[in-house]
């Protein structure tokens, strides 16, 4: 006795209908995500009038020493129990250590501490120039709405330390959840840090 079989064209038709039905259940169109990129530092850099009088034309800002958890491009904040959170839809346009080095250079130019700098990750222009090293014990936004920065710096010529100093920010606020506010707060802290360095140079 022969088994009953569907004609080949009916089988193809049924498979086609099944594919159309399943494709209607799957969203094949790409999901658009709104990601904002942020950069630290002033939008425009204006050289101070007395910058030409400083003997710091060969100043180089070395790679900043940041807490390891800040490595990368995420905008992060820290809770009172030490937990780390991040802001969704926002990223740094460059690695944070690169942004910190560049923005410090720009703020020091504005402060009149130097008329020309090189900075990490670019090489130092002169082997006999001065190197500014910065070390951050704390840097970032807290969940309670404060911006904290505790840092030290030293200026070296070769292996010889010329000057050094410490800095701690105070009363800088941000609006938790707001990337714009976080970036503005960090810029305020970096500007104040640059001012403290310029005063000590």
Protein backbone atom coordinates (compact mmCIF):
# COMPACT_ATOMS: atom_id res chain seq x y z
CA UNK A 1 0.00 0.00 0.00
CA UNK A 2 1.46 3.33 -1.01
CA UNK A 3 1.70 6.10 1.63
CA UNK A 4 0.00 9.36 0.82
CA UNK A 5 2.41 12.21 0.09
CA UNK A 6 1.81 15.94 -0.44
CA UNK A 7 2.74 17.17 -3.88
CA UNK A 8 6.07 18.95 -3.89
CA UNK A 9 4.58 22.38 -4.67
CA UNK A 10 2.21 22.17 -1.67
CA UNK A 11 5.14 21.41 0.63
CA UNK A 12 7.08 24.42 -0.70
CA UNK A 13 4.00 26.62 -0.31
CA UNK A 14 3.50 25.56 3.32
CA UNK A 15 7.17 26.19 4.14
CA UNK A 16 6.96 29.63 2.56
CA UNK A 17 3.88 30.51 4.63
CA UNK A 18 5.64 29.30 7.78
CA UNK A 19 8.67 31.52 7.08
CA UNK A 20 6.48 34.58 6.47
CA UNK A 21 4.60 33.95 9.73
CA UNK A 22 7.78 33.56 11.78
CA UNK A 23 9.43 36.64 10.27
CA UNK A 24 6.47 38.71 11.43
CA UNK A 25 7.33 37.77 15.02
CA UNK A 26 10.96 38.92 14.75
CA UNK A 27 11.98 42.58 14.54
CA UNK A 28 14.75 42.57 11.94
CA UNK A 29 15.16 46.37 11.84
CA UNK A 30 18.15 47.66 13.87
CA UNK A 31 17.38 49.43 17.14
CA UNK A 32 18.62 53.01 17.20
CA UNK A 33 20.45 53.88 20.42
CA UNK A 34 21.11 57.48 21.37
CA UNK A 35 24.69 57.62 22.68
CA UNK A 36 26.20 60.97 23.65
CA UNK A 37 29.96 61.38 23.63
CA UNK A 38 31.65 63.79 26.06
CA UNK A 39 35.11 65.35 26.26
CA UNK A 40 36.69 67.08 29.24
CA UNK A 41 38.32 70.49 29.12
CA UNK A 42 37.38 73.91 27.75
CA UNK A 43 35.72 74.08 24.35
CA UNK A 44 38.06 76.90 23.35
CA UNK A 45 41.49 77.58 24.84
CA UNK A 46 42.63 81.17 25.33
CA UNK A 47 46.27 81.78 26.21
CA UNK A 48 46.79 84.03 29.21
CA UNK A 49 48.60 87.34 28.66
CA UNK A 50 51.52 86.48 30.97
CA UNK A 51 52.12 82.98 29.58
CA UNK A 52 55.10 84.12 27.51
CA UNK A 53 56.95 85.13 30.66
CA UNK A 54 57.04 81.62 32.11
CA UNK A 55 60.00 79.32 31.53
CA UNK A 56 57.80 76.26 30.99
CA UNK A 57 57.63 75.95 27.22
CA UNK A 58 58.81 72.34 27.36
CA UNK A 59 56.30 71.18 29.96
CA UNK A 60 55.03 67.64 29.43
CA UNK A 61 52.09 66.12 31.30
CA UNK A 62 52.78 62.45 31.91
CA UNK A 63 50.14 59.73 32.01
CA UNK A 64 47.82 60.53 34.93
CA UNK A 65 47.67 57.97 37.72
CA UNK A 66 43.93 57.23 38.03
CA UNK A 67 42.05 54.67 40.14
CA UNK A 68 41.85 51.47 38.08
CA UNK A 69 38.04 51.32 38.14
CA UNK A 70 37.94 54.55 36.13
CA UNK A 71 39.75 52.96 33.21
CA UNK A 72 37.74 53.01 29.98
CA UNK A 73 35.09 55.28 28.53
CA UNK A 74 32.11 54.83 30.86
CA UNK A 75 30.73 57.77 32.84
CA UNK A 76 30.67 56.41 36.38
CA UNK A 77 29.62 57.44 39.85
CA UNK A 78 30.26 55.89 43.24
CA UNK A 79 27.85 55.12 46.08
CA UNK A 80 28.46 55.59 49.81
CA UNK A 81 29.03 51.83 50.24
CA UNK A 82 31.60 51.75 47.43
CA UNK A 83 29.30 50.44 44.71
CA UNK A 84 30.02 51.66 41.17
CA UNK A 85 27.21 52.79 38.85
CA UNK A 86 27.35 54.11 35.31
CA UNK A 87 25.23 56.52 33.30
CA UNK A 88 23.43 54.94 30.38
CA UNK A 89 23.51 56.60 26.96
CA UNK A 90 26.75 58.48 27.68
CA UNK A 91 30.43 57.73 27.07
CA UNK A 92 33.73 59.56 27.08
CA UNK A 93 34.98 60.36 23.59
CA UNK A 94 38.47 59.28 24.69
CA UNK A 95 39.86 57.20 27.52
CA UNK A 96 39.58 59.14 30.75
CA UNK A 97 43.33 59.31 31.42
CA UNK A 98 43.84 60.86 27.98
CA UNK A 99 41.04 63.37 28.58
CA UNK A 100 42.44 64.33 31.98
CA UNK A 101 45.96 64.90 30.59
CA UNK A 102 44.68 66.97 27.67
CA UNK A 103 42.28 69.08 29.71
CA UNK A 104 44.91 69.81 32.38
CA UNK A 105 47.23 71.03 29.62
CA UNK A 106 44.49 73.29 28.25
CA UNK A 107 43.58 74.69 31.66
CA UNK A 108 47.27 75.33 32.48
CA UNK A 109 47.59 77.28 29.23
CA UNK A 110 44.55 79.36 30.23
CA UNK A 111 46.05 79.91 33.70
CA UNK A 112 49.23 81.28 32.14
CA UNK A 113 51.36 78.51 33.66
CA UNK A 114 52.73 77.56 30.25
CA UNK A 115 52.48 78.68 26.67
CA UNK A 116 53.05 75.23 25.18
CA UNK A 117 52.66 71.71 26.48
CA UNK A 118 52.80 68.15 25.33
CA UNK A 119 50.74 65.54 27.08
CA UNK A 120 49.99 61.83 27.29
CA UNK A 121 49.68 59.83 25.07
CA UNK A 122 51.94 62.02 22.88
CA UNK A 123 55.70 61.86 23.50
CA UNK A 124 57.61 64.59 25.29
CA UNK A 125 59.04 67.18 22.92
CA UNK A 126 62.36 67.59 24.68
CA UNK A 127 64.44 65.22 26.80
CA UNK A 128 65.65 68.13 28.91
CA UNK A 129 62.15 69.53 29.50
CA UNK A 130 59.98 69.45 32.59
CA UNK A 131 57.54 66.65 33.35
CA UNK A 132 54.36 67.16 35.35
CA UNK A 133 53.09 64.01 37.06
CA UNK A 134 49.65 63.87 38.65
CA UNK A 135 48.30 61.23 41.03
CA UNK A 136 44.61 60.94 41.81
CA UNK A 137 43.50 59.29 45.04
CA UNK A 138 39.90 60.20 44.26
CA UNK A 139 38.30 61.49 41.09
CA UNK A 140 34.67 61.40 40.18
CA UNK A 141 31.04 61.84 41.05
CA UNK A 142 29.40 60.50 44.18
CA UNK A 143 25.84 59.21 44.32
CA UNK A 144 25.03 61.87 46.96
CA UNK A 145 25.51 64.64 44.36
CA UNK A 146 29.07 65.71 45.16
CA UNK A 147 32.18 65.74 42.96
CA UNK A 148 35.34 64.60 44.72
CA UNK A 149 38.92 65.11 43.64
CA UNK A 150 41.94 64.41 45.83
CA UNK A 151 45.22 64.62 43.95
CA UNK A 152 48.91 65.37 44.26
CA UNK A 153 51.38 66.59 41.67
CA UNK A 154 55.09 66.99 41.21
CA UNK A 155 57.22 68.72 38.62
CA UNK A 156 60.40 66.92 37.60
CA UNK A 157 63.40 67.77 35.48
CA UNK A 158 64.90 64.46 34.56
CA UNK A 159 64.76 62.47 37.79
CA UNK A 160 65.05 65.52 40.02
CA UNK A 161 61.87 66.85 41.63
CA UNK A 162 61.53 70.62 41.32
CA UNK A 163 58.19 71.36 43.00
CA UNK A 164 55.17 69.47 44.33
CA UNK A 165 51.76 70.04 45.84
CA UNK A 166 48.43 68.56 46.86
CA UNK A 167 44.86 69.47 46.00
CA UNK A 168 41.41 68.59 47.29
CA UNK A 169 38.20 69.90 45.76
CA UNK A 170 35.39 71.28 47.88
CA UNK A 171 31.71 72.04 47.39
CA UNK A 172 31.40 70.93 43.76
CA UNK A 173 27.98 69.46 42.97
CA UNK A 174 26.36 67.49 40.18
CA UNK A 175 22.81 66.36 39.48
CA UNK A 176 22.77 62.55 39.88
CA UNK A 177 21.73 60.90 36.63
CA UNK A 178 22.73 63.86 34.45
CA UNK A 179 25.78 63.30 32.23
CA UNK A 180 25.95 67.03 31.37
CA UNK A 181 26.11 67.88 35.06
CA UNK A 182 28.74 65.23 35.80
CA UNK A 183 31.03 66.50 33.02
CA UNK A 184 30.56 70.12 34.12
CA UNK A 185 31.44 69.19 37.72
CA UNK A 186 34.59 67.33 36.71
CA UNK A 187 35.63 70.27 34.53
CA UNK A 188 35.23 72.61 37.50
CA UNK A 189 37.42 70.34 39.63
CA UNK A 190 40.07 70.05 36.91
CA UNK A 191 40.12 73.82 36.40
CA UNK A 192 40.62 74.35 40.14
CA UNK A 193 43.35 71.70 40.17
CA UNK A 194 45.13 73.44 37.30
CA UNK A 195 44.87 76.73 39.18
CA UNK A 196 46.46 75.14 42.25
CA UNK A 197 49.28 73.70 40.12
CA UNK A 198 49.84 77.04 38.37
CA UNK A 199 50.05 78.80 41.73
CA UNK A 200 52.70 76.34 42.91
CA UNK A 201 54.86 76.50 39.78
